């Protein structure tokens, strides 16, 4: 969680001011795409901050709108940039069409495990990603990475040849290039649309996070689930983000309370997200879906394809791409 550098103000904002018994109450609106309640850890991630802010008694309230109730998944970023939305939990790679550098935050095999993901948070690699965000008016309240895997209605996906001919959702351009290189056809959509797409035959298979596999009940559409295991290919950066305009309108006490709440939520999420990998596997197994893991050799075969597709394109076509990859790969 890195917000101390945003204590300098300069822009307008769309905060709500609600009259209260002792004065005005500043209300922040938070939106995300996942189900509310206990169904998804990412909702709890942001609800935890909302509860802490209420207890802080600094004239600040966070109202959370889950399940795309306020904005569709891909509409949240432009709403924050324009100051129409205050806070979101968002897979940053969703915005790689606007900022191609963000596809590095869902690059096959770039993140080795959850501990490695946390080390990346404090690296020059993530500092550059956050600099780009800051330039367009979005800041990070709390860092978060989620791991994930594959599910298919056709067969188990372990080696690259297992996905050939399947219509697949991959979440972002880096994974799409790797999967296309293995012979898959690609359909792009947010995770909230995977269930219906698999149910109607638009999709045969999907990559997404363990959390999304659970909260969207994708076991109902799959015959096999490839969990992250010890050779995970799929890690995605899904932080809590805030409009810079909204942050800069808060007073010092409100900023301090929000920073402390976000720091506590970040630590909680980092501990809980590890458990979700196993919980997702248990859910699939309980529903009679086969659960498998890639071997190191199978992961290496995928990475060979990724290096000549995803990595090569990113290094050659994205501004600063090679330097970003080098700085990420330098983190042990």
Protein backbone atom coordinates (compact mmCIF):
# COMPACT_ATOMS: atom_id res chain seq x y z
CA UNK A 1 0.00 0.00 0.00
CA UNK A 2 1.59 3.21 -1.20
CA UNK A 3 -0.35 6.46 -0.71
CA UNK A 4 1.90 8.73 1.34
CA UNK A 5 3.07 10.58 -1.77
CA UNK A 6 -0.48 11.73 -2.50
CA UNK A 7 -0.80 14.21 0.36
CA UNK A 8 -0.42 17.11 -2.07
CA UNK A 9 -3.65 18.36 -3.63
CA UNK A 10 -4.46 19.88 -7.00
CA UNK A 11 -7.69 18.66 -8.63
CA UNK A 12 -11.50 18.74 -8.26
CA UNK A 13 -13.61 15.68 -7.33
CA UNK A 14 -17.07 14.08 -7.23
CA UNK A 15 -17.51 13.40 -3.52
CA UNK A 16 -20.93 13.43 -1.90
CA UNK A 17 -21.48 15.67 1.11
CA UNK A 18 -24.35 14.49 3.31
CA UNK A 19 -25.70 16.59 6.13
CA UNK A 20 -25.36 14.91 9.50
CA UNK A 21 -26.26 15.74 13.04
CA UNK A 22 -22.94 17.42 13.81
CA UNK A 23 -22.00 18.57 10.31
CA UNK A 24 -21.23 17.37 6.82
CA UNK A 25 -20.33 13.74 6.19
CA UNK A 26 -18.13 12.97 3.18
CA UNK A 27 -19.37 9.89 1.33
CA UNK A 28 -17.10 7.92 -1.00
CA UNK A 29 -18.67 5.55 -3.53
CA UNK A 30 -16.90 2.25 -4.13
CA UNK A 31 -17.82 -0.02 -7.05
CA UNK A 32 -16.70 -3.49 -8.14
CA UNK A 33 -17.83 -6.35 -10.38
CA UNK A 34 -17.95 -9.28 -7.96
CA UNK A 35 -20.82 -10.61 -5.84
CA UNK A 36 -21.29 -8.96 -2.47
CA UNK A 37 -21.25 -10.55 0.96
CA UNK A 38 -19.16 -13.61 1.80
CA UNK A 39 -19.29 -14.83 -1.81
CA UNK A 40 -16.08 -13.08 -2.84
CA UNK A 41 -12.96 -12.10 -0.93
CA UNK A 42 -12.56 -8.93 -2.99
CA UNK A 43 -15.86 -7.58 -1.70
CA UNK A 44 -14.70 -8.25 1.86
CA UNK A 45 -11.40 -6.53 0.98
CA UNK A 46 -13.21 -3.25 0.39
CA UNK A 47 -15.97 -3.76 2.96
CA UNK A 48 -13.27 -4.11 5.61
CA UNK A 49 -11.99 -0.64 4.76
CA UNK A 50 -15.52 0.74 4.86
CA UNK A 51 -16.06 -0.66 8.36
CA UNK A 52 -12.76 0.69 9.65
CA UNK A 53 -13.55 4.14 8.27
CA UNK A 54 -16.94 4.14 9.98
CA UNK A 55 -15.28 3.30 13.29
CA UNK A 56 -12.61 5.98 12.81
CA UNK A 57 -15.24 8.72 13.17
CA UNK A 58 -13.51 11.23 10.89
CA UNK A 59 -16.59 12.43 9.01
CA UNK A 60 -16.09 9.88 6.23
CA UNK A 61 -18.27 7.07 4.90
CA UNK A 62 -17.64 4.50 2.15
CA UNK A 63 -20.68 3.08 0.37
CA UNK A 64 -19.90 -0.15 -1.50
CA UNK A 65 -21.79 -1.16 -4.65
CA UNK A 66 -20.89 -4.79 -5.57
CA UNK A 67 -21.95 -6.84 -8.57
CA UNK A 68 -21.64 -4.02 -11.13
CA UNK A 69 -24.55 -2.25 -9.43
CA UNK A 70 -22.98 1.16 -10.03
CA UNK A 71 -20.63 0.65 -13.01
CA UNK A 72 -19.85 -2.19 -15.37
CA UNK A 73 -16.41 -3.71 -14.87
CA UNK A 74 -14.59 -1.84 -17.64
CA UNK A 75 -16.42 1.45 -16.99
CA UNK A 76 -14.94 1.86 -13.51
CA UNK A 77 -11.52 3.09 -14.59
CA UNK A 78 -12.71 5.97 -16.80
CA UNK A 79 -15.21 6.92 -14.10
CA UNK A 80 -12.37 7.24 -11.58
CA UNK A 81 -10.17 9.18 -14.00
CA UNK A 82 -13.03 11.66 -14.50
CA UNK A 83 -13.73 11.85 -10.76
CA UNK A 84 -17.18 10.25 -11.03
CA UNK A 85 -16.22 7.18 -9.00
CA UNK A 86 -14.11 7.31 -5.86
CA UNK A 87 -12.87 3.75 -5.17
CA UNK A 88 -12.82 0.37 -6.92
CA UNK A 89 -11.23 -3.07 -6.79
CA UNK A 90 -10.13 -3.65 -10.38
CA UNK A 91 -7.97 -6.09 -12.34
CA UNK A 92 -5.51 -3.56 -13.72
CA UNK A 93 -4.96 -5.56 -16.90
CA UNK A 94 -8.54 -4.72 -17.91
CA UNK A 95 -7.17 -1.30 -18.78
CA UNK A 96 -4.25 -2.49 -20.91
CA UNK A 97 -6.14 -1.32 -24.00
CA UNK A 98 -5.74 2.23 -22.71
CA UNK A 99 -2.32 1.71 -21.12
CA UNK A 100 -0.50 -1.28 -22.73
CA UNK A 101 2.09 -1.34 -19.96
CA UNK A 102 -0.60 -2.68 -17.60
CA UNK A 103 -0.61 -6.04 -19.40
CA UNK A 104 2.65 -6.76 -17.56
CA UNK A 105 0.50 -7.22 -14.44
CA UNK A 106 -0.98 -10.38 -16.03
CA UNK A 107 2.04 -11.77 -17.85
CA UNK A 108 2.31 -15.58 -17.98
CA UNK A 109 4.77 -16.88 -15.40
CA UNK A 110 6.02 -13.44 -14.40
CA UNK A 111 4.85 -13.92 -10.81
CA UNK A 112 6.15 -17.12 -9.23
CA UNK A 113 4.00 -17.33 -6.10
CA UNK A 114 2.23 -15.19 -3.51
CA UNK A 115 5.44 -14.26 -1.68
CA UNK A 116 7.03 -13.17 -4.95
CA UNK A 117 3.95 -11.08 -5.71
CA UNK A 118 4.33 -9.17 -2.46
CA UNK A 119 8.00 -8.51 -3.17
CA UNK A 120 7.03 -7.08 -6.55
CA UNK A 121 4.83 -4.51 -4.80
CA UNK A 122 7.92 -2.62 -3.62
CA UNK A 123 9.94 -3.01 -6.81
CA UNK A 124 10.91 -0.49 -9.51
CA UNK A 125 8.61 -2.51 -11.78
CA UNK A 126 5.50 -1.63 -9.77
CA UNK A 127 6.77 1.89 -9.12
CA UNK A 128 6.65 2.48 -12.88
CA UNK A 129 3.15 0.97 -13.18
CA UNK A 130 1.95 3.23 -10.37
CA UNK A 131 3.61 6.26 -11.97
CA UNK A 132 1.52 5.69 -15.09
CA UNK A 133 -1.62 5.41 -12.97
CA UNK A 134 -0.78 8.58 -11.10
CA UNK A 135 -0.32 10.52 -14.33
CA UNK A 136 -3.89 9.81 -15.38
CA UNK A 137 -5.37 10.42 -11.93
CA UNK A 138 -5.61 7.04 -10.17
CA UNK A 139 -3.72 5.96 -7.05
CA UNK A 140 -3.30 2.65 -5.22
CA UNK A 141 -4.79 2.34 -1.75
CA UNK A 142 -3.93 -1.34 -1.26
CA UNK A 143 -1.89 -3.77 -3.35
CA UNK A 144 -3.36 -7.18 -4.12
CA UNK A 145 -2.49 -10.14 -6.35
CA UNK A 146 -4.67 -13.16 -7.05
CA UNK A 147 -3.63 -16.49 -8.54
CA UNK A 148 -5.73 -18.58 -10.87
CA UNK A 149 -5.92 -21.40 -13.32
CA UNK A 150 -7.93 -23.00 -16.13
CA UNK A 151 -11.36 -24.58 -16.37
CA UNK A 152 -12.81 -26.29 -19.39
CA UNK A 153 -16.08 -27.90 -20.40
CA UNK A 154 -14.14 -30.16 -22.80
CA UNK A 155 -11.08 -31.66 -21.09
CA UNK A 156 -8.29 -31.07 -18.57
CA UNK A 157 -5.84 -28.37 -19.64
CA UNK A 158 -2.28 -29.21 -18.67
CA UNK A 159 0.01 -29.10 -21.71
CA UNK A 160 -0.39 -26.45 -24.45
CA UNK A 161 -1.85 -28.96 -26.90
CA UNK A 162 -4.77 -29.54 -24.51
CA UNK A 163 -6.29 -26.16 -25.36
CA UNK A 164 -5.97 -26.33 -29.14
CA UNK A 165 -9.27 -25.58 -30.88
CA UNK A 166 -11.07 -24.38 -27.74
CA UNK A 167 -12.66 -20.93 -27.51
CA UNK A 168 -11.01 -19.51 -24.42
CA UNK A 169 -11.23 -16.45 -22.19
CA UNK A 170 -7.85 -15.34 -20.88
CA UNK A 171 -8.48 -11.96 -19.13
CA UNK A 172 -5.79 -9.94 -20.90
CA UNK A 173 -3.70 -9.58 -24.06
CA UNK A 174 -0.55 -11.25 -22.75
CA UNK A 175 -2.38 -14.47 -21.89
CA UNK A 176 -4.44 -14.24 -25.05
CA UNK A 177 -1.29 -14.23 -27.18
CA UNK A 178 0.12 -17.24 -25.37
CA UNK A 179 -3.12 -19.20 -25.67
CA UNK A 180 -3.51 -18.27 -29.33
CA UNK A 181 0.04 -19.47 -29.83
CA UNK A 182 -1.07 -22.84 -28.42
CA UNK A 183 -3.94 -23.03 -30.92
CA UNK A 184 -6.86 -21.63 -28.92
CA UNK A 185 -9.44 -19.18 -30.24
CA UNK A 186 -9.88 -16.12 -28.02
CA UNK A 187 -13.00 -14.42 -26.65
CA UNK A 188 -12.44 -11.37 -24.44
CA UNK A 189 -14.79 -10.53 -21.57
CA UNK A 190 -14.72 -9.66 -17.85
CA UNK A 191 -14.90 -12.54 -15.39
CA UNK A 192 -18.50 -11.63 -14.55
CA UNK A 193 -19.55 -12.82 -18.04
CA UNK A 194 -17.73 -16.20 -18.11
CA UNK A 195 -20.55 -18.29 -16.62
CA UNK A 196 -23.14 -17.28 -19.20
CA UNK A 197 -20.61 -17.60 -22.03
CA UNK A 198 -19.74 -21.16 -21.00
CA UNK A 199 -23.38 -22.02 -20.36
CA UNK A 200 -24.40 -20.89 -23.86
CA UNK A 201 -21.43 -22.47 -25.63
CA UNK A 202 -19.72 -19.18 -26.49
CA UNK A 203 -16.75 -20.34 -24.40
CA UNK A 204 -15.21 -23.78 -24.00
CA UNK A 205 -12.61 -22.76 -21.43
CA UNK A 206 -11.47 -19.87 -19.27
CA UNK A 207 -8.57 -18.49 -17.30
CA UNK A 208 -9.50 -16.52 -14.21
CA UNK A 209 -8.66 -16.21 -10.52
CA UNK A 210 -9.41 -18.80 -7.87
CA UNK A 211 -11.71 -16.22 -6.28
CA UNK A 212 -13.72 -15.76 -9.48
CA UNK A 213 -13.93 -19.49 -10.11
CA UNK A 214 -15.62 -19.72 -6.71
CA UNK A 215 -17.81 -16.62 -6.63
CA UNK A 216 -19.18 -17.14 -10.15
CA UNK A 217 -19.78 -20.89 -9.52
CA UNK A 218 -17.89 -21.90 -12.64
CA UNK A 219 -17.74 -25.50 -11.44
CA UNK A 220 -21.28 -25.77 -12.80
CA UNK A 221 -19.96 -25.39 -16.36
CA UNK A 222 -16.66 -27.31 -16.18
CA UNK A 223 -15.55 -30.92 -16.40
CA UNK A 224 -11.98 -30.20 -15.28
CA UNK A 225 -10.22 -27.51 -13.26
CA UNK A 226 -6.48 -26.83 -13.41
CA UNK A 227 -5.63 -25.25 -10.07
CA UNK A 228 -2.61 -22.97 -9.52
CA UNK A 229 -0.68 -25.58 -7.53
CA UNK A 230 3.08 -25.09 -7.28
CA UNK A 231 3.51 -24.20 -10.96
CA UNK A 232 0.98 -21.40 -11.41
CA UNK A 233 1.09 -19.51 -14.69
CA UNK A 234 -1.68 -17.05 -13.83
CA UNK A 235 -1.25 -14.19 -11.35
CA UNK A 236 -3.16 -10.93 -11.73
CA UNK A 237 -2.78 -7.58 -9.98
CA UNK A 238 -6.18 -6.55 -8.53
CA UNK A 239 -5.59 -3.61 -6.17
CA UNK A 240 -7.95 -1.24 -4.44
CA UNK A 241 -7.73 1.94 -6.48
CA UNK A 242 -8.89 5.47 -5.74
CA UNK A 243 -9.50 8.53 -7.83
CA UNK A 244 -6.68 10.95 -7.15
CA UNK A 245 -9.21 13.77 -7.21
CA UNK A 246 -11.18 12.09 -4.43
CA UNK A 247 -8.08 11.46 -2.31
CA UNK A 248 -6.90 15.03 -2.57
CA UNK A 249 -10.23 16.43 -1.42
CA UNK A 250 -10.03 14.58 1.91
CA UNK A 251 -8.61 16.33 4.96
CA UNK A 252 -5.50 15.07 6.74
CA UNK A 253 -7.41 13.08 9.37
CA UNK A 254 -9.52 11.37 6.71
CA UNK A 255 -6.47 10.53 4.61
CA UNK A 256 -4.70 9.08 7.64
CA UNK A 257 -7.72 6.96 8.58
CA UNK A 258 -8.15 5.71 5.02
CA UNK A 259 -4.44 4.89 4.75
CA UNK A 260 -4.49 2.91 7.99
CA UNK A 261 -7.64 1.03 6.98
CA UNK A 262 -6.18 0.17 3.58
CA UNK A 263 -2.96 -1.09 5.13
CA UNK A 264 -4.86 -3.42 7.44
CA UNK A 265 -7.03 -4.68 4.58
CA UNK A 266 -3.97 -5.31 2.40
CA UNK A 267 -2.41 -7.54 5.06
CA UNK A 268 -5.70 -9.40 5.54
CA UNK A 269 -6.15 -9.99 1.80
CA UNK A 270 -2.57 -11.23 1.36
CA UNK A 271 -3.17 -13.88 4.03
CA UNK A 272 -6.65 -14.93 2.88
CA UNK A 273 -5.98 -15.09 -0.87
CA UNK A 274 -3.58 -18.00 -0.38
CA UNK A 275 -6.38 -20.02 1.23
CA UNK A 276 -8.67 -19.44 -1.73
CA UNK A 277 -6.53 -21.53 -4.07
CA UNK A 278 -7.25 -24.60 -1.93
CA UNK A 279 -10.87 -23.60 -1.30
CA UNK A 280 -11.51 -23.36 -5.03
CA UNK A 281 -10.12 -26.84 -5.57
CA UNK A 282 -12.25 -28.20 -2.74
CA UNK A 283 -15.36 -26.62 -4.27
CA UNK A 284 -14.70 -28.18 -7.69
CA UNK A 285 -13.95 -31.57 -6.18
CA UNK A 286 -17.08 -31.47 -4.04
CA UNK A 287 -19.13 -30.89 -7.20
CA UNK A 288 -17.56 -33.84 -9.01
CA UNK A 289 -15.23 -31.82 -11.24
CA UNK A 290 -11.78 -33.28 -11.87
CA UNK A 291 -8.96 -31.18 -10.35
CA UNK A 292 -5.43 -31.32 -11.76
CA UNK A 293 -2.14 -29.38 -11.53
CA UNK A 294 0.50 -28.65 -14.12
CA UNK A 295 3.90 -30.29 -13.72
CA UNK A 296 7.03 -28.10 -13.93
CA UNK A 297 7.63 -29.54 -17.41
CA UNK A 298 4.13 -28.57 -18.58
CA UNK A 299 4.53 -25.08 -17.16
CA UNK A 300 7.86 -24.75 -18.96
CA UNK A 301 6.17 -25.71 -22.25
CA UNK A 302 3.64 -22.91 -21.78
CA UNK A 303 6.39 -20.42 -20.93
CA UNK A 304 8.27 -21.32 -24.10
CA UNK A 305 5.20 -20.24 -26.07
CA UNK A 306 4.77 -17.14 -23.89
CA UNK A 307 8.34 -16.01 -24.49
CA UNK A 308 7.93 -15.99 -28.26
CA UNK A 309 4.42 -14.50 -28.20
CA UNK A 310 3.46 -12.48 -25.12
CA UNK A 311 6.94 -11.47 -23.94
CA UNK A 312 8.25 -10.77 -27.43
CA UNK A 313 5.28 -8.57 -28.36
CA UNK A 314 5.40 -6.67 -25.07
CA UNK A 315 9.14 -5.99 -25.35
CA UNK A 316 8.97 -4.88 -28.97
CA UNK A 317 5.63 -3.09 -29.26
CA UNK A 318 4.89 -1.53 -25.84
CA UNK A 319 6.65 1.71 -24.94
CA UNK A 320 9.19 0.89 -22.24
CA UNK A 321 8.16 -2.76 -22.42
CA UNK A 322 11.59 -4.36 -22.31
CA UNK A 323 12.65 -2.21 -19.36
CA UNK A 324 9.46 -3.14 -17.48
CA UNK A 325 10.02 -6.84 -18.08
CA UNK A 326 13.65 -6.58 -17.04
CA UNK A 327 12.75 -4.80 -13.80
CA UNK A 328 10.07 -7.39 -12.99
CA UNK A 329 12.29 -10.35 -13.78
CA UNK A 330 15.04 -8.87 -11.60
CA UNK A 331 12.89 -9.38 -8.49
CA UNK A 332 13.82 -12.72 -6.90
